[in-house]
Amino acid sequence: MDRRMKQQIAFILEADKLKNVIRRNYLADDSRRENTAEHTWHSTLMALLLFEHAENREELDLLHIIRMITIHDLVEIEAGDTFMFDEEANRNKFDRENQAAKKIFAMLPYDQGKEYYDLWLEFEKEETPNAIFAASVDKMMPVLLNTYSSGASWREAEITSGKVFDTLKVIRKGPKKIADLLEELVTESLKKGNLA
């Protein structure tokens, strides 16, 4: 095995640690909290399926979106998961995750490490059409899970519909049908009592 492949294999094994990062959201069946690897897989599936609903799909690159979703949470191996409604933890989230991104992607051969860091940064900035779509889907996943479960993670943190809308502004910048889905899910969560 050459040096490049050794670095790639080491990175793949490091990524396995994502399975041990527990998030605040419960699975849809409420049996346990999800881990970040499961969240990444589920968000990727959601992007694949909902891509057809993006009004601007001609300007989007689905593979680029999938790549962003696949790698953006790897920083949680070092930085841990930050609950999207935790204002205090979100104050320094970018700095913590940026340090983690530099450390994790430095494990790769230089060209791949730079490419993955750039993808991570694009996702975090939420400025390009691809990043807006990717971030919309990523942030929609917890809404979906909390709506179709008992909403335990929202109820435990006393999350309100206003907080959901304020925190998830990026979804409104994305495809209209996905923004409409957010409205529907929040309305359903309110009816079920999953939101304060």
N, C-alpha and C. Protein backbone atom coordinates (compact mmCIF):
# COMPACT_ATOMS: atom_id res chain seq x y z
N MET A 1 0.86 -1.18 0.00
CA MET A 1 0.00 0.00 0.00
C MET A 1 0.90 1.24 0.00
N ASP A 2 0.62 2.17 -0.93
CA ASP A 2 1.45 3.38 -0.99
C ASP A 2 1.00 4.39 0.07
N ARG A 3 1.78 5.45 0.22
CA ARG A 3 1.53 6.46 1.27
C ARG A 3 0.15 7.10 1.11
N ARG A 4 -0.22 7.43 -0.11
CA ARG A 4 -1.51 8.08 -0.36
C ARG A 4 -2.66 7.19 0.12
N MET A 5 -2.61 5.93 -0.27
CA MET A 5 -3.69 5.03 0.14
C MET A 5 -3.68 4.82 1.65
N LYS A 6 -2.52 4.77 2.28
CA LYS A 6 -2.45 4.64 3.74
C LYS A 6 -3.16 5.81 4.41
N GLN A 7 -2.92 7.02 3.88
CA GLN A 7 -3.58 8.21 4.45
C GLN A 7 -5.10 8.11 4.27
N GLN A 8 -5.53 7.66 3.11
CA GLN A 8 -6.97 7.54 2.84
C GLN A 8 -7.61 6.49 3.74
N ILE A 9 -6.94 5.37 3.93
CA ILE A 9 -7.47 4.32 4.82
C ILE A 9 -7.52 4.82 6.26
N ALA A 10 -6.50 5.52 6.69
CA ALA A 10 -6.50 6.09 8.05
C ALA A 10 -7.67 7.06 8.23
N PHE A 11 -7.95 7.85 7.20
CA PHE A 11 -9.07 8.79 7.24
C PHE A 11 -10.41 8.04 7.32
N ILE A 12 -10.54 7.00 6.52
CA ILE A 12 -11.77 6.19 6.54
C ILE A 12 -12.00 5.60 7.92
N LEU A 13 -10.94 5.10 8.54
CA LEU A 13 -11.06 4.55 9.89
C LEU A 13 -11.38 5.63 10.91
N GLU A 14 -10.81 6.82 10.73
CA GLU A 14 -11.14 7.96 11.61
C GLU A 14 -12.62 8.30 11.48
N ALA A 15 -13.13 8.28 10.25
CA ALA A 15 -14.54 8.60 10.00
C ALA A 15 -15.48 7.63 10.70
N ASP A 16 -15.02 6.42 10.98
CA ASP A 16 -15.83 5.44 11.70
C ASP A 16 -16.26 5.97 13.06
N LYS A 17 -15.48 6.87 13.63
CA LYS A 17 -15.79 7.44 14.95
C LYS A 17 -17.07 8.27 14.92
N LEU A 18 -17.53 8.66 13.74
CA LEU A 18 -18.76 9.44 13.63
C LEU A 18 -19.96 8.64 14.14
N LYS A 19 -19.84 7.32 14.09
CA LYS A 19 -20.91 6.45 14.58
C LYS A 19 -21.08 6.56 16.10
N ASN A 20 -20.07 7.09 16.78
CA ASN A 20 -20.12 7.23 18.24
C ASN A 20 -20.56 8.61 18.71
N VAL A 21 -20.80 9.53 17.78
CA VAL A 21 -21.23 10.88 18.15
C VAL A 21 -22.76 10.88 18.23
N ILE A 22 -23.27 11.01 19.43
CA ILE A 22 -24.71 10.95 19.65
C ILE A 22 -25.30 12.36 19.56
N ARG A 23 -26.39 12.46 18.83
CA ARG A 23 -27.07 13.74 18.62
C ARG A 23 -28.26 13.86 19.57
N ARG A 24 -28.88 15.02 19.60
CA ARG A 24 -30.04 15.25 20.47
C ARG A 24 -31.31 14.61 19.91
N ASN A 25 -31.40 14.48 18.59
CA ASN A 25 -32.62 13.95 17.98
C ASN A 25 -32.78 12.46 18.22
N TYR A 26 -34.03 12.08 18.40
CA TYR A 26 -34.37 10.67 18.51
C TYR A 26 -34.70 10.13 17.12
N LEU A 27 -34.60 8.82 16.98
CA LEU A 27 -35.06 8.17 15.75
C LEU A 27 -36.56 8.38 15.63
N ALA A 28 -37.11 8.18 14.45
CA ALA A 28 -38.55 8.38 14.23
C ALA A 28 -39.39 7.47 15.12
N ASP A 29 -38.86 6.31 15.51
CA ASP A 29 -39.62 5.40 16.38
C ASP A 29 -39.38 5.67 17.87
N ASP A 30 -38.63 6.73 18.18
CA ASP A 30 -38.37 7.14 19.57
C ASP A 30 -37.55 6.13 20.38
N SER A 31 -36.98 5.12 19.74
CA SER A 31 -36.29 4.07 20.49
C SER A 31 -34.96 4.52 21.10
N ARG A 32 -34.31 5.49 20.46
CA ARG A 32 -33.02 5.99 20.96
C ARG A 32 -32.66 7.25 20.18
N ARG A 33 -31.61 7.90 20.65
CA ARG A 33 -31.09 9.06 19.92
C ARG A 33 -30.30 8.56 18.70
N GLU A 34 -30.28 9.37 17.66
CA GLU A 34 -29.51 8.99 16.47
C GLU A 34 -28.05 9.37 16.65
N ASN A 35 -27.18 8.74 15.87
CA ASN A 35 -25.79 9.18 15.86
C ASN A 35 -25.55 9.99 14.59
N THR A 36 -24.43 10.66 14.53
CA THR A 36 -24.18 11.58 13.42
C THR A 36 -24.01 10.84 12.10
N ALA A 37 -23.45 9.64 12.12
CA ALA A 37 -23.32 8.87 10.87
C ALA A 37 -24.71 8.56 10.30
N GLU A 38 -25.64 8.21 11.17
CA GLU A 38 -27.02 7.95 10.72
C GLU A 38 -27.66 9.22 10.17
N HIS A 39 -27.44 10.32 10.84
CA HIS A 39 -27.97 11.60 10.37
C HIS A 39 -27.42 11.94 8.98
N THR A 40 -26.13 11.72 8.78
CA THR A 40 -25.51 12.01 7.49
C THR A 40 -26.12 11.14 6.40
N TRP A 41 -26.27 9.86 6.66
CA TRP A 41 -26.87 8.96 5.69
C TRP A 41 -28.30 9.40 5.36
N HIS A 42 -29.08 9.70 6.39
CA HIS A 42 -30.48 10.07 6.20
C HIS A 42 -30.61 11.39 5.43
N SER A 43 -29.74 12.34 5.73
CA SER A 43 -29.75 13.62 5.01
C SER A 43 -29.36 13.42 3.54
N THR A 44 -28.41 12.53 3.30
CA THR A 44 -28.01 12.23 1.92
C THR A 44 -29.17 11.63 1.15
N LEU A 45 -29.87 10.69 1.77
CA LEU A 45 -31.03 10.08 1.14
C LEU A 45 -32.10 11.13 0.85
N MET A 46 -32.33 12.02 1.80
CA MET A 46 -33.32 13.07 1.62
C MET A 46 -32.94 13.97 0.44
N ALA A 47 -31.67 14.31 0.32
CA ALA A 47 -31.21 15.15 -0.80
C ALA A 47 -31.44 14.45 -2.13
N LEU A 48 -31.11 13.17 -2.19
CA LEU A 48 -31.32 12.41 -3.43
C LEU A 48 -32.79 12.40 -3.83
N LEU A 49 -33.67 12.20 -2.87
CA LEU A 49 -35.10 12.09 -3.17
C LEU A 49 -35.77 13.44 -3.43
N LEU A 50 -35.40 14.46 -2.68
CA LEU A 50 -36.08 15.76 -2.81
C LEU A 50 -35.45 16.67 -3.86
N PHE A 51 -34.34 16.27 -4.43
CA PHE A 51 -33.66 17.09 -5.45
C PHE A 51 -34.61 17.46 -6.58
N GLU A 52 -35.49 16.55 -6.96
CA GLU A 52 -36.40 16.81 -8.08
C GLU A 52 -37.35 17.97 -7.79
N HIS A 53 -37.51 18.33 -6.52
CA HIS A 53 -38.43 19.41 -6.15
C HIS A 53 -37.76 20.79 -6.14
N ALA A 54 -36.49 20.83 -6.39
CA ALA A 54 -35.77 22.12 -6.41
C ALA A 54 -36.07 22.83 -7.72
N GLU A 55 -36.69 23.99 -7.60
CA GLU A 55 -37.03 24.76 -8.80
C GLU A 55 -35.79 25.18 -9.57
N ASN A 56 -34.67 25.31 -8.88
CA ASN A 56 -33.42 25.76 -9.50
C ASN A 56 -32.47 24.60 -9.78
N ARG A 57 -33.00 23.40 -9.97
CA ARG A 57 -32.11 22.23 -10.10
C ARG A 57 -31.18 22.31 -11.30
N GLU A 58 -31.51 23.13 -12.32
CA GLU A 58 -30.61 23.28 -13.47
C GLU A 58 -29.28 23.89 -13.05
N GLU A 59 -29.30 24.72 -12.01
CA GLU A 59 -28.06 25.35 -11.55
C GLU A 59 -27.40 24.58 -10.41
N LEU A 60 -27.99 23.46 -10.02
CA LEU A 60 -27.45 22.67 -8.93
C LEU A 60 -26.67 21.48 -9.46
N ASP A 61 -25.73 21.01 -8.66
CA ASP A 61 -24.92 19.84 -8.98
C ASP A 61 -25.16 18.83 -7.86
N LEU A 62 -25.98 17.81 -8.15
CA LEU A 62 -26.37 16.86 -7.11
C LEU A 62 -25.16 16.14 -6.50
N LEU A 63 -24.20 15.76 -7.31
CA LEU A 63 -23.01 15.09 -6.76
C LEU A 63 -22.27 16.02 -5.80
N HIS A 64 -22.15 17.28 -6.15
CA HIS A 64 -21.48 18.26 -5.29
C HIS A 64 -22.24 18.38 -3.96
N ILE A 65 -23.56 18.41 -4.04
CA ILE A 65 -24.41 18.50 -2.84
C ILE A 65 -24.21 17.27 -1.96
N ILE A 66 -24.22 16.09 -2.58
CA ILE A 66 -24.04 14.84 -1.83
C ILE A 66 -22.67 14.81 -1.16
N ARG A 67 -21.67 15.27 -1.87
CA ARG A 67 -20.32 15.30 -1.29
C ARG A 67 -20.28 16.23 -0.07
N MET A 68 -20.92 17.40 -0.17
CA MET A 68 -20.94 18.32 0.97
C MET A 68 -21.64 17.70 2.17
N ILE A 69 -22.81 17.10 1.92
CA ILE A 69 -23.56 16.50 3.03
C ILE A 69 -22.75 15.36 3.66
N THR A 70 -22.09 14.58 2.82
CA THR A 70 -21.33 13.43 3.31
C THR A 70 -20.18 13.83 4.23
N ILE A 71 -19.51 14.93 3.93
CA ILE A 71 -18.31 15.27 4.71
C ILE A 71 -18.53 16.34 5.78
N HIS A 72 -19.60 17.12 5.69
CA HIS A 72 -19.66 18.32 6.55
C HIS A 72 -19.73 18.01 8.05
N ASP A 73 -20.28 16.88 8.44
CA ASP A 73 -20.39 16.57 9.87
C ASP A 73 -19.20 15.79 10.42
N LEU A 74 -18.22 15.48 9.58
CA LEU A 74 -17.03 14.77 10.07
C LEU A 74 -16.33 15.54 11.19
N VAL A 75 -16.50 16.86 11.19
CA VAL A 75 -15.88 17.68 12.23
C VAL A 75 -16.40 17.33 13.62
N GLU A 76 -17.57 16.71 13.68
CA GLU A 76 -18.15 16.36 14.98
C GLU A 76 -17.35 15.27 15.69
N ILE A 77 -16.48 14.57 14.97
CA ILE A 77 -15.59 13.60 15.61
C ILE A 77 -14.74 14.32 16.65
N GLU A 78 -14.28 15.51 16.32
CA GLU A 78 -13.43 16.31 17.22
C GLU A 78 -14.24 17.31 18.04
N ALA A 79 -15.23 17.95 17.40
CA ALA A 79 -15.93 19.07 18.04
C ALA A 79 -17.23 18.66 18.73
N GLY A 80 -17.70 17.44 18.48
CA GLY A 80 -18.98 17.01 19.03
C GLY A 80 -20.13 17.64 18.26
N ASP A 81 -21.34 17.15 18.53
CA ASP A 81 -22.53 17.70 17.88
C ASP A 81 -22.97 18.94 18.66
N THR A 82 -23.37 19.95 17.93
CA THR A 82 -23.90 21.17 18.56
C THR A 82 -25.39 21.23 18.26
N PHE A 83 -26.20 21.17 19.30
CA PHE A 83 -27.66 21.24 19.13
C PHE A 83 -28.00 22.58 18.50
N MET A 84 -28.76 22.55 17.43
CA MET A 84 -29.00 23.78 16.66
C MET A 84 -29.70 24.87 17.45
N PHE A 85 -30.37 24.51 18.54
CA PHE A 85 -31.09 25.51 19.33
C PHE A 85 -30.32 25.95 20.58
N ASP A 86 -29.11 25.48 20.74
CA ASP A 86 -28.28 25.84 21.89
C ASP A 86 -27.50 27.12 21.54
N GLU A 87 -28.05 28.26 21.93
CA GLU A 87 -27.46 29.56 21.55
C GLU A 87 -26.03 29.70 22.05
N GLU A 88 -25.77 29.29 23.28
CA GLU A 88 -24.43 29.42 23.85
C GLU A 88 -23.41 28.59 23.06
N ALA A 89 -23.74 27.34 22.80
CA ALA A 89 -22.81 26.46 22.07
C ALA A 89 -22.62 26.92 20.63
N ASN A 90 -23.62 27.56 20.06
CA ASN A 90 -23.52 28.01 18.67
C ASN A 90 -22.67 29.26 18.51
N ARG A 91 -22.40 29.96 19.61
CA ARG A 91 -21.59 31.18 19.52
C ARG A 91 -20.18 30.90 19.00
N ASN A 92 -19.58 29.82 19.46
CA ASN A 92 -18.22 29.51 19.01
C ASN A 92 -18.16 28.23 18.16
N LYS A 93 -19.32 27.82 17.65
CA LYS A 93 -19.40 26.59 16.86
C LYS A 93 -18.47 26.63 15.65
N PHE A 94 -18.51 27.71 14.89
CA PHE A 94 -17.68 27.76 13.68
C PHE A 94 -16.20 27.62 14.04
N ASP A 95 -15.74 28.33 15.05
CA ASP A 95 -14.32 28.26 15.43
C ASP A 95 -13.93 26.84 15.84
N ARG A 96 -14.77 26.21 16.68
CA ARG A 96 -14.47 24.84 17.12
C ARG A 96 -14.45 23.87 15.93
N GLU A 97 -15.45 24.01 15.07
CA GLU A 97 -15.55 23.09 13.94
C GLU A 97 -14.49 23.38 12.88
N ASN A 98 -14.11 24.64 12.73
CA ASN A 98 -13.06 24.98 11.77
C ASN A 98 -11.73 24.34 12.18
N GLN A 99 -11.41 24.42 13.47
CA GLN A 99 -10.19 23.76 13.97
C GLN A 99 -10.27 22.25 13.73
N ALA A 100 -11.44 21.68 14.00
CA ALA A 100 -11.63 20.24 13.80
C ALA A 100 -11.50 19.88 12.32
N ALA A 101 -12.06 20.70 11.44
CA ALA A 101 -11.98 20.44 10.00
C ALA A 101 -10.53 20.43 9.53
N LYS A 102 -9.78 21.42 9.98
CA LYS A 102 -8.36 21.48 9.58
C LYS A 102 -7.61 20.24 10.05
N LYS A 103 -7.88 19.81 11.27
CA LYS A 103 -7.19 18.64 11.82
C LYS A 103 -7.60 17.36 11.08
N ILE A 104 -8.88 17.16 10.90
CA ILE A 104 -9.37 15.92 10.28
C ILE A 104 -8.97 15.84 8.82
N PHE A 105 -9.18 16.91 8.06
CA PHE A 105 -8.88 16.85 6.63
C PHE A 105 -7.37 16.85 6.35
N ALA A 106 -6.57 17.24 7.33
CA ALA A 106 -5.11 17.17 7.18
C ALA A 106 -4.62 15.72 7.19
N MET A 107 -5.46 14.80 7.61
CA MET A 107 -5.09 13.39 7.58
C MET A 107 -5.00 12.87 6.15
N LEU A 108 -5.71 13.50 5.25
CA LEU A 108 -5.77 13.07 3.85
C LEU A 108 -4.56 13.57 3.07
N PRO A 109 -4.30 12.99 1.88
CA PRO A 109 -3.31 13.60 1.00
C PRO A 109 -3.70 15.07 0.77
N TYR A 110 -2.71 15.93 0.61
CA TYR A 110 -2.94 17.37 0.58
C TYR A 110 -4.08 17.78 -0.36
N ASP A 111 -4.10 17.27 -1.59
CA ASP A 111 -5.11 17.69 -2.56
C ASP A 111 -6.52 17.33 -2.09
N GLN A 112 -6.69 16.14 -1.56
CA GLN A 112 -8.01 15.74 -1.07
C GLN A 112 -8.38 16.50 0.20
N GLY A 113 -7.43 16.68 1.08
CA GLY A 113 -7.70 17.42 2.31
C GLY A 113 -8.16 18.83 2.02
N LYS A 114 -7.49 19.49 1.08
CA LYS A 114 -7.88 20.86 0.70
C LYS A 114 -9.27 20.86 0.06
N GLU A 115 -9.50 19.91 -0.83
CA GLU A 115 -10.80 19.81 -1.50
C GLU A 115 -11.92 19.61 -0.49
N TYR A 116 -11.72 18.74 0.48
CA TYR A 116 -12.75 18.46 1.47
C TYR A 116 -12.93 19.62 2.44
N TYR A 117 -11.85 20.27 2.79
CA TYR A 117 -11.97 21.46 3.64
C TYR A 117 -12.77 22.53 2.90
N ASP A 118 -12.48 22.73 1.63
CA ASP A 118 -13.21 23.73 0.84
C ASP A 118 -14.69 23.38 0.73
N LEU A 119 -15.02 22.10 0.57
CA LEU A 119 -16.42 21.66 0.55
C LEU A 119 -17.08 21.96 1.89
N TRP A 120 -16.38 21.64 2.98
CA TRP A 120 -16.92 21.89 4.32
C TRP A 120 -17.20 23.38 4.50
N LEU A 121 -16.24 24.21 4.10
CA LEU A 121 -16.38 25.65 4.25
C LEU A 121 -17.54 26.18 3.40
N GLU A 122 -17.67 25.69 2.19
CA GLU A 122 -18.80 26.10 1.33
C GLU A 122 -20.12 25.77 2.00
N PHE A 123 -20.22 24.57 2.56
CA PHE A 123 -21.44 24.17 3.25
C PHE A 123 -21.73 25.11 4.42
N GLU A 124 -20.73 25.39 5.22
CA GLU A 124 -20.91 26.22 6.41
C GLU A 124 -21.32 27.65 6.07
N LYS A 125 -20.81 28.18 4.98
CA LYS A 125 -21.13 29.57 4.61
C LYS A 125 -22.56 29.72 4.09
N GLU A 126 -23.14 28.65 3.55
CA GLU A 126 -24.53 28.66 3.06
C GLU A 126 -24.77 29.80 2.07
N GLU A 127 -23.85 30.00 1.13
CA GLU A 127 -23.99 31.11 0.17
C GLU A 127 -24.26 30.64 -1.25
N THR A 128 -23.69 29.52 -1.67
CA THR A 128 -23.89 29.05 -3.04
C THR A 128 -25.22 28.29 -3.13
N PRO A 129 -25.82 28.23 -4.32
CA PRO A 129 -27.05 27.45 -4.46
C PRO A 129 -26.90 26.00 -3.98
N ASN A 130 -25.76 25.37 -4.29
CA ASN A 130 -25.53 23.99 -3.83
C ASN A 130 -25.49 23.91 -2.31
N ALA A 131 -24.81 24.84 -1.68
CA ALA A 131 -24.70 24.83 -0.22
C ALA A 131 -26.04 25.12 0.44
N ILE A 132 -26.82 26.01 -0.15
CA ILE A 132 -28.14 26.33 0.41
C ILE A 132 -29.04 25.10 0.35
N PHE A 133 -29.02 24.39 -0.79
CA PHE A 133 -29.82 23.17 -0.89
C PHE A 133 -29.33 22.13 0.13
N ALA A 134 -28.02 21.92 0.20
CA ALA A 134 -27.46 20.92 1.12
C ALA A 134 -27.81 21.26 2.57
N ALA A 135 -27.64 22.52 2.95
CA ALA A 135 -27.93 22.94 4.33
C ALA A 135 -29.42 22.84 4.63
N SER A 136 -30.26 23.15 3.64
CA SER A 136 -31.71 23.05 3.83
C SER A 136 -32.11 21.62 4.16
N VAL A 137 -31.60 20.69 3.39
CA VAL A 137 -31.92 19.28 3.61
C VAL A 137 -31.37 18.81 4.95
N ASP A 138 -30.14 19.18 5.24
CA ASP A 138 -29.50 18.78 6.50
C ASP A 138 -30.30 19.28 7.70
N LYS A 139 -30.76 20.51 7.63
CA LYS A 139 -31.49 21.10 8.76
C LYS A 139 -32.95 20.65 8.80
N MET A 140 -33.46 20.18 7.66
CA MET A 140 -34.83 19.69 7.62
C MET A 140 -34.96 18.32 8.30
N MET A 141 -33.90 17.54 8.28
CA MET A 141 -33.95 16.18 8.83
C MET A 141 -34.41 16.15 10.29
N PRO A 142 -33.85 16.97 11.19
CA PRO A 142 -34.33 16.96 12.58
C PRO A 142 -35.79 17.40 12.70
N VAL A 143 -36.22 18.31 11.82
CA VAL A 143 -37.62 18.75 11.84
C VAL A 143 -38.51 17.57 11.49
N LEU A 144 -38.13 16.83 10.46
CA LEU A 144 -38.89 15.66 10.05
C LEU A 144 -38.97 14.63 11.17
N LEU A 145 -37.83 14.33 11.78
CA LEU A 145 -37.81 13.34 12.86
C LEU A 145 -38.64 13.78 14.06
N ASN A 146 -38.54 15.05 14.43
CA ASN A 146 -39.30 15.53 15.58
C ASN A 146 -40.80 15.59 15.30
N THR A 147 -41.17 15.79 14.03
CA THR A 147 -42.58 15.83 13.68
C THR A 147 -43.19 14.43 13.71
N TYR A 148 -42.47 13.46 13.19
CA TYR A 148 -43.03 12.12 13.07
C TYR A 148 -42.63 11.18 14.21
N SER A 149 -42.13 11.75 15.28
CA SER A 149 -41.88 10.99 16.51
C SER A 149 -42.67 11.71 17.60
N SER A 150 -42.31 11.47 18.83
CA SER A 150 -42.99 12.17 19.93
C SER A 150 -42.48 13.60 20.10
N GLY A 151 -41.44 13.97 19.34
CA GLY A 151 -40.87 15.31 19.47
C GLY A 151 -40.08 15.48 20.76
N ALA A 152 -39.57 14.38 21.29
CA ALA A 152 -38.92 14.40 22.61
C ALA A 152 -37.77 15.40 22.70
N SER A 153 -36.92 15.47 21.67
CA SER A 153 -35.76 16.38 21.79
C SER A 153 -36.22 17.83 21.81
N TRP A 154 -37.28 18.15 21.10
CA TRP A 154 -37.82 19.52 21.13
C TRP A 154 -38.50 19.80 22.47
N ARG A 155 -39.30 18.84 22.94
CA ARG A 155 -40.00 19.05 24.21
C ARG A 155 -39.02 19.16 25.36
N GLU A 156 -37.98 18.33 25.36
CA GLU A 156 -36.96 18.39 26.42
C GLU A 156 -36.30 19.75 26.48
N ALA A 157 -36.10 20.38 25.33
CA ALA A 157 -35.42 21.68 25.26
C ALA A 157 -36.41 22.85 25.20
N GLU A 158 -37.71 22.55 25.30
CA GLU A 158 -38.77 23.57 25.26
C GLU A 158 -38.66 24.46 24.02
N ILE A 159 -38.55 23.83 22.87
CA ILE A 159 -38.40 24.55 21.60
C ILE A 159 -39.77 25.03 21.13
N THR A 160 -39.82 26.27 20.65
CA THR A 160 -41.05 26.85 20.13
C THR A 160 -41.01 26.88 18.60
N SER A 161 -42.18 27.06 17.99
CA SER A 161 -42.22 27.17 16.52
C SER A 161 -41.42 28.39 16.06
N GLY A 162 -41.47 29.47 16.82
CA GLY A 162 -40.70 30.67 16.47
C GLY A 162 -39.21 30.39 16.44
N LYS A 163 -38.74 29.59 17.40
CA LYS A 163 -37.32 29.23 17.43
C LYS A 163 -36.95 28.38 16.22
N VAL A 164 -37.84 27.47 15.84
CA VAL A 164 -37.58 26.64 14.66
C VAL A 164 -37.42 27.53 13.44
N PHE A 165 -38.36 28.45 13.24
CA PHE A 165 -38.30 29.31 12.06
C PHE A 165 -37.09 30.24 12.09
N ASP A 166 -36.76 30.79 13.25
CA ASP A 166 -35.59 31.67 13.35
C ASP A 166 -34.29 30.93 13.06
N THR A 167 -34.17 29.74 13.62
CA THR A 167 -32.94 28.97 13.49
C THR A 167 -32.77 28.40 12.09
N LEU A 168 -33.86 28.14 11.41
CA LEU A 168 -33.80 27.45 10.12
C LEU A 168 -34.05 28.39 8.94
N LYS A 169 -33.60 29.62 9.05
CA LYS A 169 -33.81 30.61 7.98
C LYS A 169 -33.26 30.15 6.64
N VAL A 170 -32.18 29.39 6.65
CA VAL A 170 -31.56 28.95 5.39
C VAL A 170 -32.55 28.15 4.54
N ILE A 171 -33.45 27.44 5.17
CA ILE A 171 -34.42 26.64 4.42
C ILE A 171 -35.29 27.55 3.56
N ARG A 172 -35.60 28.72 4.07
CA ARG A 172 -36.42 29.67 3.29
C ARG A 172 -35.66 30.26 2.11
N LYS A 173 -34.31 30.19 2.14
CA LYS A 173 -33.51 30.68 1.01
C LYS A 173 -33.42 29.63 -0.10
N GLY A 174 -33.81 28.41 0.23
CA GLY A 174 -33.69 27.31 -0.72
C GLY A 174 -34.95 27.11 -1.54
N PRO A 175 -35.12 25.92 -2.10
CA PRO A 175 -36.28 25.62 -2.93
C PRO A 175 -37.59 25.84 -2.19
N LYS A 176 -38.55 26.45 -2.89
CA LYS A 176 -39.84 26.80 -2.28
C LYS A 176 -40.57 25.58 -1.73
N LYS A 177 -40.54 24.48 -2.45
CA LYS A 177 -41.26 23.29 -1.98
C LYS A 177 -40.67 22.77 -0.67
N ILE A 178 -39.38 22.91 -0.48
CA ILE A 178 -38.77 22.47 0.78
C ILE A 178 -39.11 23.45 1.89
N ALA A 179 -39.15 24.75 1.57
CA ALA A 179 -39.57 25.75 2.55
C ALA A 179 -41.03 25.52 2.95
N ASP A 180 -41.87 25.17 1.96
CA ASP A 180 -43.27 24.86 2.24
C ASP A 180 -43.39 23.63 3.14
N LEU A 181 -42.52 22.65 2.90
CA LEU A 181 -42.50 21.45 3.73
C LEU A 181 -42.19 21.81 5.18
N LEU A 182 -41.26 22.73 5.39
CA LEU A 182 -40.94 23.18 6.75
C LEU A 182 -42.19 23.72 7.43
N GLU A 183 -42.93 24.57 6.72
CA GLU A 183 -44.17 25.14 7.28
C GLU A 183 -45.15 24.03 7.66
N GLU A 184 -45.32 23.07 6.76
CA GLU A 184 -46.25 21.96 7.02
C GLU A 184 -45.81 21.14 8.24
N LEU A 185 -44.53 20.86 8.33
CA LEU A 185 -44.03 20.05 9.44
C LEU A 185 -44.17 20.78 10.77
N VAL A 186 -43.89 22.07 10.78
CA VAL A 186 -44.02 22.84 12.03
C VAL A 186 -45.49 22.91 12.44
N THR A 187 -46.38 23.12 11.48
CA THR A 187 -47.82 23.13 11.78
C THR A 187 -48.26 21.79 12.36
N GLU A 188 -47.80 20.71 11.76
CA GLU A 188 -48.13 19.36 12.25
C GLU A 188 -47.56 19.15 13.66
N SER A 189 -46.34 19.61 13.89
CA SER A 189 -45.72 19.47 15.21
C SER A 189 -46.49 20.24 16.28
N LEU A 190 -46.97 21.41 15.92
CA LEU A 190 -47.78 22.20 16.85
C LEU A 190 -49.07 21.46 17.20
N LYS A 191 -49.72 20.89 16.18
CA LYS A 191 -50.96 20.13 16.41
C LYS A 191 -50.72 18.95 17.34
N LYS A 192 -49.59 18.28 17.17
CA LYS A 192 -49.27 17.10 17.97
C LYS A 192 -48.75 17.46 19.36
N GLY A 193 -48.43 18.73 19.59
CA GLY A 193 -47.88 19.14 20.87
C GLY A 193 -46.39 18.90 21.00
N ASN A 194 -45.72 18.72 19.86
CA ASN A 194 -44.27 18.49 19.89
C ASN A 194 -43.48 19.79 20.01
N LEU A 195 -44.14 20.91 19.83
CA LEU A 195 -43.50 22.23 19.97
C LEU A 195 -44.26 23.04 21.00
N ALA A 196 -43.54 23.87 21.71
CA ALA A 196 -44.17 24.75 22.72
C ALA A 196 -44.80 25.94 22.02
